[in-house]
Amino acid sequence: MDPRTDSAIGAARPTTKIEVRDIQKVYRVKRENGGGYGEFIVLKDVNLDVYAGEFLTLVGPSGCGKSTMLDLLAGLIPNSGGEIRIDGRTITGPAMDRGFVMQAYALFPWLTVQSNVEFGLTIKKVPKAKRKAISAHYLEMVGLTQFANRYPHELSGGMKQRVAIARALAFDPEVLLMDEPFAALDAQTRETLQDELLELWEKTGKTIVFVTHSIDEAVYLADRIAVMGTNPGRISEIVNIKLSRPRKGSRGSAEFGWIRHKIWQYLQPEEAAKEDFPPIGATDVAAVIDSQAAL
């Protein structure tokens, strides 16, 4: 069942877009001192539903398998067990129904901004005139119309990431996968792009799965947060964020601070057990989050 039924979030969207079932990812690694080969379990028994049009963030400690999970969703690497489906179709490799935005931009330095945005459309063999119109539309959406003929080296980091997002949206994927896309940016640019991404999400209705190390970013962006544990990687908690949208100005609120600390507790269970962090004022826990253990 889709837990997003609170009026602060909007109408429930019960359609499941992505189904992750019993996913395993195991690598064969060479043991030290000539001891042959063994197995390194990156992900084990991962189960997750992502709903159509949802903004879901993945958070967890380094090494828990967040980026590996995103690579599996993109079809860039094979799983070792289990199954991932989009609209009932099993993922067997990369496809045009998924767009991927990485931290490192991954723009082609020899192509102009416009040509970078049109890259996926070229692969789809969209006619040139239509490619130009589509790229112009998305460049306008990300505020880069006047930079269409520039090259990546002539852009700032934030502008490069806007180009990467425009390119991912231009070929109209059903799902947008984002792997810490704002991690390398300064704080002000990062917050600006977070707001711009939310505006794009509201305009396009895309399903977004967003990996981040930042709890603040996860809370600010997400409908739900999937908290990952490690050794091996797994989904340990699913948290439904009930902060109303739009969320501009919410970072300084008591509700935001409380949710942030609660996510921190899920990520640091040993430390959290040592403290007693009460809900904000008389506010009930259910007023700001729903959480469900996913072990």
C-alpha atoms as a PDB file:
ATOM      1  CA  MET A   1       0.000   0.000   0.000  1.00  0.00           C
ATOM      2  CA  ASP A   2       1.215   3.504  -0.768  1.00  0.00           C
ATOM      3  CA  PRO A   3       1.670   5.205   2.609  1.00  0.00           C
ATOM      4  CA  ARG A   4       1.582   8.713   1.123  1.00  0.00           C
ATOM      5  CA  THR A   5      -2.021   9.495   1.991  1.00  0.00           C
ATOM      6  CA  ASP A   6      -1.503  12.518   4.232  1.00  0.00           C
ATOM      7  CA  SER A   7      -3.052  15.726   2.911  1.00  0.00           C
ATOM      8  CA  ALA A   8       0.217  17.583   3.540  1.00  0.00           C
ATOM      9  CA  ILE A   9       1.773  15.559   0.759  1.00  0.00           C
ATOM     10  CA  GLY A  10      -1.171  15.581  -1.572  1.00  0.00           C
ATOM     11  CA  ALA A  11      -3.300  12.919  -3.181  1.00  0.00           C
ATOM     12  CA  ALA A  12      -2.089   9.366  -2.776  1.00  0.00           C
ATOM     13  CA  ARG A  13      -0.505   7.834  -5.869  1.00  0.00           C
ATOM     14  CA  PRO A  14      -0.927   4.085  -5.334  1.00  0.00           C
ATOM     15  CA  THR A  15       0.552   2.950  -8.651  1.00  0.00           C
ATOM     16  CA  THR A  16       3.835   1.146  -8.098  1.00  0.00           C
ATOM     17  CA  LYS A  17       6.433   2.242 -10.641  1.00  0.00           C
ATOM     18  CA  ILE A  18       9.470   0.289  -9.490  1.00  0.00           C
ATOM     19  CA  GLU A  19       9.463  -3.026  -7.646  1.00  0.00           C
ATOM     20  CA  VAL A  20      12.680  -4.256  -6.031  1.00  0.00           C
ATOM     21  CA  ARG A  21      12.331  -7.839  -4.849  1.00  0.00           C
ATOM     22  CA  ASP A  22      14.908  -9.781  -2.811  1.00  0.00           C
ATOM     23  CA  ILE A  23      17.824  -8.107  -4.564  1.00  0.00           C
ATOM     24  CA  GLN A  24      21.311  -9.454  -3.925  1.00  0.00           C
ATOM     25  CA  LYS A  25      24.614  -8.139  -5.219  1.00  0.00           C
ATOM     26  CA  VAL A  26      27.726 -10.207  -4.591  1.00  0.00           C
ATOM     27  CA  TYR A  27      31.242  -9.678  -5.918  1.00  0.00           C
ATOM     28  CA  ARG A  28      33.890 -12.383  -6.199  1.00  0.00           C
ATOM     29  CA  VAL A  29      37.047 -11.069  -4.559  1.00  0.00           C
ATOM     30  CA  LYS A  30      40.551 -12.447  -4.193  1.00  0.00           C
ATOM     31  CA  ARG A  31      41.547 -13.282  -0.642  1.00  0.00           C
ATOM     32  CA  GLU A  32      44.800 -12.006   0.800  1.00  0.00           C
ATOM     33  CA  ASN A  33      47.880 -14.224   1.116  1.00  0.00           C
ATOM     34  CA  GLY A  34      46.915 -16.411  -1.820  1.00  0.00           C
ATOM     35  CA  GLY A  35      43.841 -17.827  -0.125  1.00  0.00           C
ATOM     36  CA  GLY A  36      41.817 -18.179  -3.318  1.00  0.00           C
ATOM     37  CA  TYR A  37      38.565 -16.329  -3.881  1.00  0.00           C
ATOM     38  CA  GLY A  38      35.679 -15.393  -1.641  1.00  0.00           C
ATOM     39  CA  GLU A  39      32.436 -13.438  -1.812  1.00  0.00           C
ATOM     40  CA  PHE A  40      31.825  -9.840  -0.830  1.00  0.00           C
ATOM     41  CA  ILE A  41      28.114  -9.243  -0.245  1.00  0.00           C
ATOM     42  CA  VAL A  42      27.247  -5.654  -1.150  1.00  0.00           C
ATOM     43  CA  LEU A  43      23.448  -5.943  -1.005  1.00  0.00           C
ATOM     44  CA  LYS A  44      21.291  -8.638   0.553  1.00  0.00           C
ATOM     45  CA  ASP A  45      17.529  -9.141   0.552  1.00  0.00           C
ATOM     46  CA  VAL A  46      16.694  -5.610  -0.576  1.00  0.00           C
ATOM     47  CA  ASN A  47      12.975  -4.994  -1.062  1.00  0.00           C
ATOM     48  CA  LEU A  48      11.530  -1.639  -2.055  1.00  0.00           C
ATOM     49  CA  ASP A  49       8.559  -0.133  -3.867  1.00  0.00           C
ATOM     50  CA  VAL A  50       8.831   3.242  -5.574  1.00  0.00           C
ATOM     51  CA  TYR A  51       5.524   4.828  -6.524  1.00  0.00           C
ATOM     52  CA  ALA A  52       4.674   6.574  -9.772  1.00  0.00           C
ATOM     53  CA  GLY A  53       5.540  10.250  -9.595  1.00  0.00           C
ATOM     54  CA  GLU A  54       7.244   9.857  -6.230  1.00  0.00           C
ATOM     55  CA  PHE A  55      10.427  11.586  -5.107  1.00  0.00           C
ATOM     56  CA  LEU A  56      12.299   8.953  -3.086  1.00  0.00           C
ATOM     57  CA  THR A  57      15.717   9.490  -1.548  1.00  0.00           C
ATOM     58  CA  LEU A  58      18.218   6.835  -0.473  1.00  0.00           C
ATOM     59  CA  VAL A  59      20.470   7.664   2.473  1.00  0.00           C
ATOM     60  CA  GLY A  60      22.993   5.585   4.331  1.00  0.00           C
ATOM     61  CA  PRO A  61      26.618   5.374   5.479  1.00  0.00           C
ATOM     62  CA  SER A  62      29.473   5.067   3.005  1.00  0.00           C
ATOM     63  CA  GLY A  63      29.764   1.523   1.734  1.00  0.00           C
ATOM     64  CA  CYS A  64      26.135   0.559   2.314  1.00  0.00           C
ATOM     65  CA  GLY A  65      25.462   0.084  -1.411  1.00  0.00           C
ATOM     66  CA  LYS A  66      23.445   3.208  -2.296  1.00  0.00           C
ATOM     67  CA  SER A  67      25.225   3.797  -5.599  1.00  0.00           C
ATOM     68  CA  THR A  68      25.244   0.068  -6.327  1.00  0.00           C
ATOM     69  CA  MET A  69      21.470   0.062  -5.873  1.00  0.00           C
ATOM     70  CA  LEU A  70      21.153   2.928  -8.338  1.00  0.00           C
ATOM     71  CA  ASP A  71      23.424   1.147 -10.852  1.00  0.00           C
ATOM     72  CA  LEU A  72      21.146  -1.897 -10.588  1.00  0.00           C
ATOM     73  CA  LEU A  73      18.065   0.252 -11.183  1.00  0.00           C
ATOM     74  CA  ALA A  74      19.781   1.751 -14.225  1.00  0.00           C
ATOM     75  CA  GLY A  75      20.677  -1.706 -15.517  1.00  0.00           C
ATOM     76  CA  LEU A  76      24.373  -0.801 -15.613  1.00  0.00           C
ATOM     77  CA  ILE A  77      25.371  -3.886 -13.617  1.00  0.00           C
ATOM     78  CA  PRO A  78      23.668  -7.281 -13.212  1.00  0.00           C
ATOM     79  CA  ASN A  79      22.132  -8.377  -9.930  1.00  0.00           C
ATOM     80  CA  SER A  80      23.251 -11.590  -8.261  1.00  0.00           C
ATOM     81  CA  GLY A  81      19.746 -12.553  -7.206  1.00  0.00           C
ATOM     82  CA  GLY A  82      16.211 -11.227  -7.017  1.00  0.00           C
ATOM     83  CA  GLU A  83      14.439  -9.031  -9.550  1.00  0.00           C
ATOM     84  CA  ILE A  84      13.770  -5.375 -10.355  1.00  0.00           C
ATOM     85  CA  ARG A  85      10.720  -4.404 -12.398  1.00  0.00           C
ATOM     86  CA  ILE A  86       9.526  -1.107 -13.871  1.00  0.00           C
ATOM     87  CA  ASP A  87       5.818  -1.138 -14.740  1.00  0.00           C
ATOM     88  CA  GLY A  88       5.983  -4.909 -14.510  1.00  0.00           C
ATOM     89  CA  ARG A  89       8.921  -5.197 -16.948  1.00  0.00           C
ATOM     90  CA  THR A  90      12.039  -6.878 -15.593  1.00  0.00           C
ATOM     91  CA  ILE A  91      15.195  -4.772 -15.869  1.00  0.00           C
ATOM     92  CA  THR A  92      17.810  -6.619 -17.924  1.00  0.00           C
ATOM     93  CA  GLY A  93      20.071  -3.701 -18.853  1.00  0.00           C
ATOM     94  CA  PRO A  94      20.100   0.029 -19.642  1.00  0.00           C
ATOM     95  CA  ALA A  95      17.075   1.398 -21.482  1.00  0.00           C
ATOM     96  CA  MET A  96      15.569   4.705 -22.525  1.00  0.00           C
ATOM     97  CA  ASP A  97      12.877   4.488 -19.849  1.00  0.00           C
ATOM     98  CA  ARG A  98      15.516   5.573 -17.288  1.00  0.00           C
ATOM     99  CA  GLY A  99      17.611   8.733 -17.167  1.00  0.00           C
ATOM    100  CA  PHE A 100      20.770   8.905 -15.048  1.00  0.00           C
ATOM    101  CA  VAL A 101      22.348  12.033 -13.554  1.00  0.00           C
ATOM    102  CA  MET A 102      25.744  11.525 -11.897  1.00  0.00           C
ATOM    103  CA  GLN A 103      27.811  13.625  -9.525  1.00  0.00           C
ATOM    104  CA  ALA A 104      30.553  14.062 -12.151  1.00  0.00           C
ATOM    105  CA  TYR A 105      28.203  15.618 -14.777  1.00  0.00           C
ATOM    106  CA  ALA A 106      29.450  13.210 -17.508  1.00  0.00           C
ATOM    107  CA  LEU A 107      29.043  15.816 -20.253  1.00  0.00           C
ATOM    108  CA  PHE A 108      30.810  15.383 -23.577  1.00  0.00           C
ATOM    109  CA  PRO A 109      33.462  18.149 -23.645  1.00  0.00           C
ATOM    110  CA  TRP A 110      33.605  18.276 -27.458  1.00  0.00           C
ATOM    111  CA  LEU A 111      29.846  18.943 -27.760  1.00  0.00           C
ATOM    112  CA  THR A 112      28.023  22.205 -27.150  1.00  0.00           C
ATOM    113  CA  VAL A 113      25.442  22.493 -24.406  1.00  0.00           C
ATOM    114  CA  GLN A 114      22.662  22.048 -26.961  1.00  0.00           C
ATOM    115  CA  SER A 115      24.311  18.991 -28.502  1.00  0.00           C
ATOM    116  CA  ASN A 116      24.822  17.448 -25.062  1.00  0.00           C
ATOM    117  CA  VAL A 117      21.118  17.871 -24.299  1.00  0.00           C
ATOM    118  CA  GLU A 118      20.216  16.383 -27.676  1.00  0.00           C
ATOM    119  CA  PHE A 119      22.452  13.330 -27.241  1.00  0.00           C
ATOM    120  CA  GLY A 120      19.721  10.914 -26.121  1.00  0.00           C
ATOM    121  CA  LEU A 121      17.386  12.237 -28.792  1.00  0.00           C
ATOM    122  CA  THR A 122      20.037  11.521 -31.416  1.00  0.00           C
ATOM    123  CA  ILE A 123      20.257   7.930 -30.205  1.00  0.00           C
ATOM    124  CA  LYS A 124      16.466   7.707 -30.490  1.00  0.00           C
ATOM    125  CA  LYS A 125      16.812   9.032 -34.073  1.00  0.00           C
ATOM    126  CA  VAL A 126      14.552  12.009 -33.431  1.00  0.00           C
ATOM    127  CA  PRO A 127      14.571  14.344 -36.489  1.00  0.00           C
ATOM    128  CA  LYS A 128      16.964  17.287 -36.222  1.00  0.00           C
ATOM    129  CA  ALA A 129      14.313  20.018 -36.145  1.00  0.00           C
ATOM    130  CA  LYS A 130      12.399  18.251 -33.388  1.00  0.00           C
ATOM    131  CA  ARG A 131      15.632  17.634 -31.432  1.00  0.00           C
ATOM    132  CA  LYS A 132      16.388  21.337 -31.537  1.00  0.00           C
ATOM    133  CA  ALA A 133      12.907  22.247 -30.312  1.00  0.00           C
ATOM    134  CA  ILE A 134      13.034  19.742 -27.462  1.00  0.00           C
ATOM    135  CA  SER A 135      16.522  20.777 -26.338  1.00  0.00           C
ATOM    136  CA  ALA A 136      15.470  24.438 -26.455  1.00  0.00           C
ATOM    137  CA  HIS A 137      12.487  23.621 -24.246  1.00  0.00           C
ATOM    138  CA  TYR A 138      14.556  21.900 -21.563  1.00  0.00           C
ATOM    139  CA  LEU A 139      17.348  24.458 -21.679  1.00  0.00           C
ATOM    140  CA  GLU A 140      14.710  27.098 -21.007  1.00  0.00           C
ATOM    141  CA  MET A 141      13.397  25.005 -18.108  1.00  0.00           C
ATOM    142  CA  VAL A 142      16.851  24.948 -16.482  1.00  0.00           C
ATOM    143  CA  GLY A 143      17.581  28.592 -17.319  1.00  0.00           C
ATOM    144  CA  LEU A 144      20.394  28.010 -19.834  1.00  0.00           C
ATOM    145  CA  THR A 145      18.892  29.160 -23.129  1.00  0.00           C
ATOM    146  CA  GLN A 146      21.606  31.773 -23.643  1.00  0.00           C
ATOM    147  CA  PHE A 147      24.339  29.148 -23.127  1.00  0.00           C
ATOM    148  CA  ALA A 148      23.149  26.703 -25.805  1.00  0.00           C
ATOM    149  CA  ASN A 149      26.263  27.209 -27.957  1.00  0.00           C
ATOM    150  CA  ARG A 150      28.782  27.147 -25.114  1.00  0.00           C
ATOM    151  CA  TYR A 151      30.997  24.167 -24.287  1.00  0.00           C
ATOM    152  CA  PRO A 152      31.128  22.449 -20.865  1.00  0.00           C
ATOM    153  CA  HIS A 153      34.504  23.973 -19.946  1.00  0.00           C
ATOM    154  CA  GLU A 154      32.890  27.413 -20.225  1.00  0.00           C
ATOM    155  CA  LEU A 155      30.288  26.626 -17.552  1.00  0.00           C
ATOM    156  CA  SER A 156      30.274  26.659 -13.761  1.00  0.00           C
ATOM    157  CA  GLY A 157      29.670  23.455 -11.803  1.00  0.00           C
ATOM    158  CA  GLY A 158      26.047  24.332 -11.161  1.00  0.00           C
ATOM    159  CA  MET A 159      25.449  25.099 -14.827  1.00  0.00           C
ATOM    160  CA  LYS A 160      27.022  21.796 -15.865  1.00  0.00           C
ATOM    161  CA  GLN A 161      24.653  19.958 -13.542  1.00  0.00           C
ATOM    162  CA  ARG A 162      21.700  21.846 -15.030  1.00  0.00           C
ATOM    163  CA  VAL A 163      22.818  20.652 -18.472  1.00  0.00           C
ATOM    164  CA  ALA A 164      23.071  17.073 -17.178  1.00  0.00           C
ATOM    165  CA  ILE A 165      19.538  17.269 -15.780  1.00  0.00           C
ATOM    166  CA  ALA A 166      18.194  18.794 -19.012  1.00  0.00           C
ATOM    167  CA  ARG A 167      19.866  16.028 -21.012  1.00  0.00           C
ATOM    168  CA  ALA A 168      18.347  13.339 -18.775  1.00  0.00           C
ATOM    169  CA  LEU A 169      14.863  14.855 -19.108  1.00  0.00           C
ATOM    170  CA  ALA A 170      15.039  15.618 -22.839  1.00  0.00           C
ATOM    171  CA  PHE A 171      14.528  12.053 -24.038  1.00  0.00           C
ATOM    172  CA  ASP A 172      11.532  11.761 -21.706  1.00  0.00           C
ATOM    173  CA  PRO A 173      12.470   8.847 -19.429  1.00  0.00           C
ATOM    174  CA  GLU A 174       9.856   7.449 -17.082  1.00  0.00           C
ATOM    175  CA  VAL A 175      12.286   7.366 -14.159  1.00  0.00           C
ATOM    176  CA  LEU A 176      15.081   9.785 -13.232  1.00  0.00           C
ATOM    177  CA  LEU A 177      17.959   8.250 -11.246  1.00  0.00           C
ATOM    178  CA  MET A 178      20.279  10.743  -9.513  1.00  0.00           C
ATOM    179  CA  ASP A 179      23.514   9.753  -7.780  1.00  0.00           C
ATOM    180  CA  GLU A 180      24.586  12.584  -5.434  1.00  0.00           C
ATOM    181  CA  PRO A 181      24.252  15.123  -8.254  1.00  0.00           C
ATOM    182  CA  PHE A 182      24.834  18.175  -6.035  1.00  0.00           C
ATOM    183  CA  ALA A 183      27.540  16.810  -3.721  1.00  0.00           C
ATOM    184  CA  ALA A 184      30.425  18.693  -5.373  1.00  0.00           C
ATOM    185  CA  LEU A 185      28.686  22.083  -5.339  1.00  0.00           C
ATOM    186  CA  ASP A 186      28.919  24.896  -2.816  1.00  0.00           C
ATOM    187  CA  ALA A 187      26.107  25.153  -0.264  1.00  0.00           C
ATOM    188  CA  GLN A 188      24.307  28.092  -1.905  1.00  0.00           C
ATOM    189  CA  THR A 189      24.355  26.571  -5.393  1.00  0.00           C
ATOM    190  CA  ARG A 190      23.289  23.229  -3.963  1.00  0.00           C
ATOM    191  CA  GLU A 191      20.216  24.695  -2.294  1.00  0.00           C
ATOM    192  CA  THR A 192      19.329  26.639  -5.448  1.00  0.00           C
ATOM    193  CA  LEU A 193      19.508  23.483  -7.572  1.00  0.00           C
ATOM    194  CA  GLN A 194      17.450  21.549  -5.025  1.00  0.00           C
ATOM    195  CA  ASP A 195      14.649  24.080  -5.459  1.00  0.00           C
ATOM    196  CA  GLU A 196      15.007  24.029  -9.241  1.00  0.00           C
ATOM    197  CA  LEU A 197      14.905  20.229  -9.256  1.00  0.00           C
ATOM    198  CA  LEU A 198      11.699  20.237  -7.210  1.00  0.00           C
ATOM    199  CA  GLU A 199      10.141  22.684  -9.673  1.00  0.00           C
ATOM    200  CA  LEU A 200      11.131  20.434 -12.588  1.00  0.00           C
ATOM    201  CA  TRP A 201       9.749  17.396 -10.768  1.00  0.00           C
ATOM    202  CA  GLU A 202       6.424  19.136 -10.188  1.00  0.00           C
ATOM    203  CA  LYS A 203       6.246  20.195 -13.858  1.00  0.00           C
ATOM    204  CA  THR A 204       7.201  16.816 -15.336  1.00  0.00           C
ATOM    205  CA  GLY A 205       5.729  14.362 -12.826  1.00  0.00           C
ATOM    206  CA  LYS A 206       8.750  12.084 -13.184  1.00  0.00           C
ATOM    207  CA  THR A 207       9.493   9.329 -10.710  1.00  0.00           C
ATOM    208  CA  ILE A 208      12.809  10.239  -9.054  1.00  0.00           C
ATOM    209  CA  VAL A 209      15.191   8.055  -7.038  1.00  0.00           C
ATOM    210  CA  PHE A 210      17.865  10.285  -5.515  1.00  0.00           C
ATOM    211  CA  VAL A 211      20.973   9.091  -3.647  1.00  0.00           C
ATOM    212  CA  THR A 212      22.545  11.466  -1.124  1.00  0.00           C
ATOM    213  CA  HIS A 213      24.806  11.478   1.929  1.00  0.00           C
ATOM    214  CA  SER A 214      23.097  14.618   3.219  1.00  0.00           C
ATOM    215  CA  ILE A 215      20.237  14.064   5.653  1.00  0.00           C
ATOM    216  CA  ASP A 216      19.111  17.689   5.181  1.00  0.00           C
ATOM    217  CA  GLU A 217      18.937  17.226   1.424  1.00  0.00           C
ATOM    218  CA  ALA A 218      17.028  13.964   1.778  1.00  0.00           C
ATOM    219  CA  VAL A 219      14.433  15.505   4.108  1.00  0.00           C
ATOM    220  CA  TYR A 220      14.042  18.650   1.996  1.00  0.00           C
ATOM    221  CA  LEU A 221      13.477  16.793  -1.272  1.00  0.00           C
ATOM    222  CA  ALA A 222      11.736  13.538  -0.473  1.00  0.00           C
ATOM    223  CA  ASP A 223       8.242  12.179  -0.239  1.00  0.00           C
ATOM    224  CA  ARG A 224       9.849   9.153   1.403  1.00  0.00           C
ATOM    225  CA  ILE A 225      13.351   8.306   2.590  1.00  0.00           C
ATOM    226  CA  ALA A 226      14.748   4.782   2.330  1.00  0.00           C
ATOM    227  CA  VAL A 227      17.384   4.450   5.052  1.00  0.00           C
ATOM    228  CA  MET A 228      20.078   1.899   4.279  1.00  0.00           C
ATOM    229  CA  GLY A 229      22.177  -0.107   6.697  1.00  0.00           C
ATOM    230  CA  THR A 230      25.427  -1.884   5.974  1.00  0.00           C
ATOM    231  CA  ASN A 231      27.280  -5.188   6.369  1.00  0.00           C
ATOM    232  CA  PRO A 232      25.608  -6.175   4.114  1.00  0.00           C
ATOM    233  CA  GLY A 233      23.680  -3.331   2.460  1.00  0.00           C
ATOM    234  CA  ARG A 234      19.950  -3.420   3.107  1.00  0.00           C
ATOM    235  CA  ILE A 235      16.898  -1.190   3.556  1.00  0.00           C
ATOM    236  CA  SER A 236      16.533  -0.791   7.316  1.00  0.00           C
ATOM    237  CA  GLU A 237      13.776   1.830   7.481  1.00  0.00           C
ATOM    238  CA  ILE A 238      11.256   3.541   5.201  1.00  0.00           C
ATOM    239  CA  VAL A 239      10.306   7.034   6.379  1.00  0.00           C
ATOM    240  CA  ASN A 240       7.325   8.926   4.982  1.00  0.00           C
ATOM    241  CA  ILE A 241       7.990  12.701   5.187  1.00  0.00           C
ATOM    242  CA  LYS A 242       4.853  14.694   5.976  1.00  0.00           C
ATOM    243  CA  LEU A 243       6.258  18.199   5.595  1.00  0.00           C
ATOM    244  CA  SER A 244       3.968  20.266   3.394  1.00  0.00           C
ATOM    245  CA  ARG A 245       5.111  21.452  -0.031  1.00  0.00           C
ATOM    246  CA  PRO A 246       6.530  23.771  -1.199  1.00  0.00           C
ATOM    247  CA  ARG A 247       9.283  23.501   1.410  1.00  0.00           C
ATOM    248  CA  LYS A 248      11.169  26.752   0.869  1.00  0.00           C
ATOM    249  CA  GLY A 249      11.984  28.178   4.272  1.00  0.00           C
ATOM    250  CA  SER A 250      11.281  24.893   6.042  1.00  0.00           C
ATOM    251  CA  ARG A 251      14.922  24.088   6.856  1.00  0.00           C
ATOM    252  CA  GLY A 252      14.850  26.303   9.936  1.00  0.00           C
ATOM    253  CA  SER A 253      11.602  24.916  11.321  1.00  0.00           C
ATOM    254  CA  ALA A 254      11.366  22.773  14.437  1.00  0.00           C
ATOM    255  CA  GLU A 255       9.607  20.063  12.425  1.00  0.00           C
ATOM    256  CA  PHE A 256      12.449  19.875   9.918  1.00  0.00           C
ATOM    257  CA  GLY A 257      15.037  19.685  12.689  1.00  0.00           C
ATOM    258  CA  TRP A 258      13.154  16.939  14.443  1.00  0.00           C
ATOM    259  CA  ILE A 259      12.823  14.833  11.293  1.00  0.00           C
ATOM    260  CA  ARG A 260      16.493  15.347  10.500  1.00  0.00           C
ATOM    261  CA  HIS A 261      17.482  14.115  13.941  1.00  0.00           C
ATOM    262  CA  LYS A 262      15.159  11.121  13.669  1.00  0.00           C
ATOM    263  CA  ILE A 263      16.796  10.070  10.386  1.00  0.00           C
ATOM    264  CA  TRP A 264      20.174  10.500  12.080  1.00  0.00           C
ATOM    265  CA  GLN A 265      18.965   8.137  14.818  1.00  0.00           C
ATOM    266  CA  TYR A 266      18.055   5.529  12.217  1.00  0.00           C
ATOM    267  CA  LEU A 267      21.543   5.858  10.736  1.00  0.00           C
ATOM    268  CA  GLN A 268      23.266   5.772  14.150  1.00  0.00           C
ATOM    269  CA  PRO A 269      21.228   3.302  16.219  1.00  0.00           C
ATOM    270  CA  GLU A 270      24.032   2.708  18.738  1.00  0.00           C
ATOM    271  CA  GLU A 271      24.452   6.422  19.430  1.00  0.00           C
ATOM    272  CA  ALA A 272      20.696   7.053  19.381  1.00  0.00           C
ATOM    273  CA  ALA A 273      20.194   4.437  22.094  1.00  0.00           C
ATOM    274  CA  LYS A 274      22.254   6.624  24.448  1.00  0.00           C
ATOM    275  CA  GLU A 275      19.968   9.643  24.213  1.00  0.00           C
ATOM    276  CA  ASP A 276      16.350  10.573  24.626  1.00  0.00           C
ATOM    277  CA  PHE A 277      15.301  13.027  21.913  1.00  0.00           C
ATOM    278  CA  PRO A 278      11.652  14.001  22.490  1.00  0.00           C
ATOM    279  CA  PRO A 279       9.228  15.063  19.763  1.00  0.00           C
ATOM    280  CA  ILE A 280       8.928  18.811  19.087  1.00  0.00           C
ATOM    281  CA  GLY A 281       6.705  20.403  21.686  1.00  0.00           C
ATOM    282  CA  ALA A 282       3.446  18.536  21.913  1.00  0.00           C
ATOM    283  CA  THR A 283       3.595  17.403  18.290  1.00  0.00           C
ATOM    284  CA  ASP A 284       2.875  13.714  17.788  1.00  0.00           C
ATOM    285  CA  VAL A 285       5.462  11.736  15.838  1.00  0.00           C
ATOM    286  CA  ALA A 286       2.795  10.750  13.327  1.00  0.00           C
ATOM    287  CA  ALA A 287       2.252  14.409  12.439  1.00  0.00           C
ATOM    288  CA  VAL A 288       5.614  14.729  10.739  1.00  0.00           C
ATOM    289  CA  ILE A 289       6.719  11.215   9.733  1.00  0.00           C
ATOM    290  CA  ASP A 290       5.549   7.679   9.296  1.00  0.00           C
ATOM    291  CA  SER A 291       8.270   5.095   9.637  1.00  0.00           C
ATOM    292  CA  GLN A 292       8.229   1.415   8.892  1.00  0.00           C
ATOM    293  CA  ALA A 293      11.041  -0.996   9.670  1.00  0.00           C
ATOM    294  CA  ALA A 294      12.093  -2.741   6.489  1.00  0.00           C
ATOM    295  CA  LEU A 295      14.314  -5.462   7.941  1.00  0.00           C
END
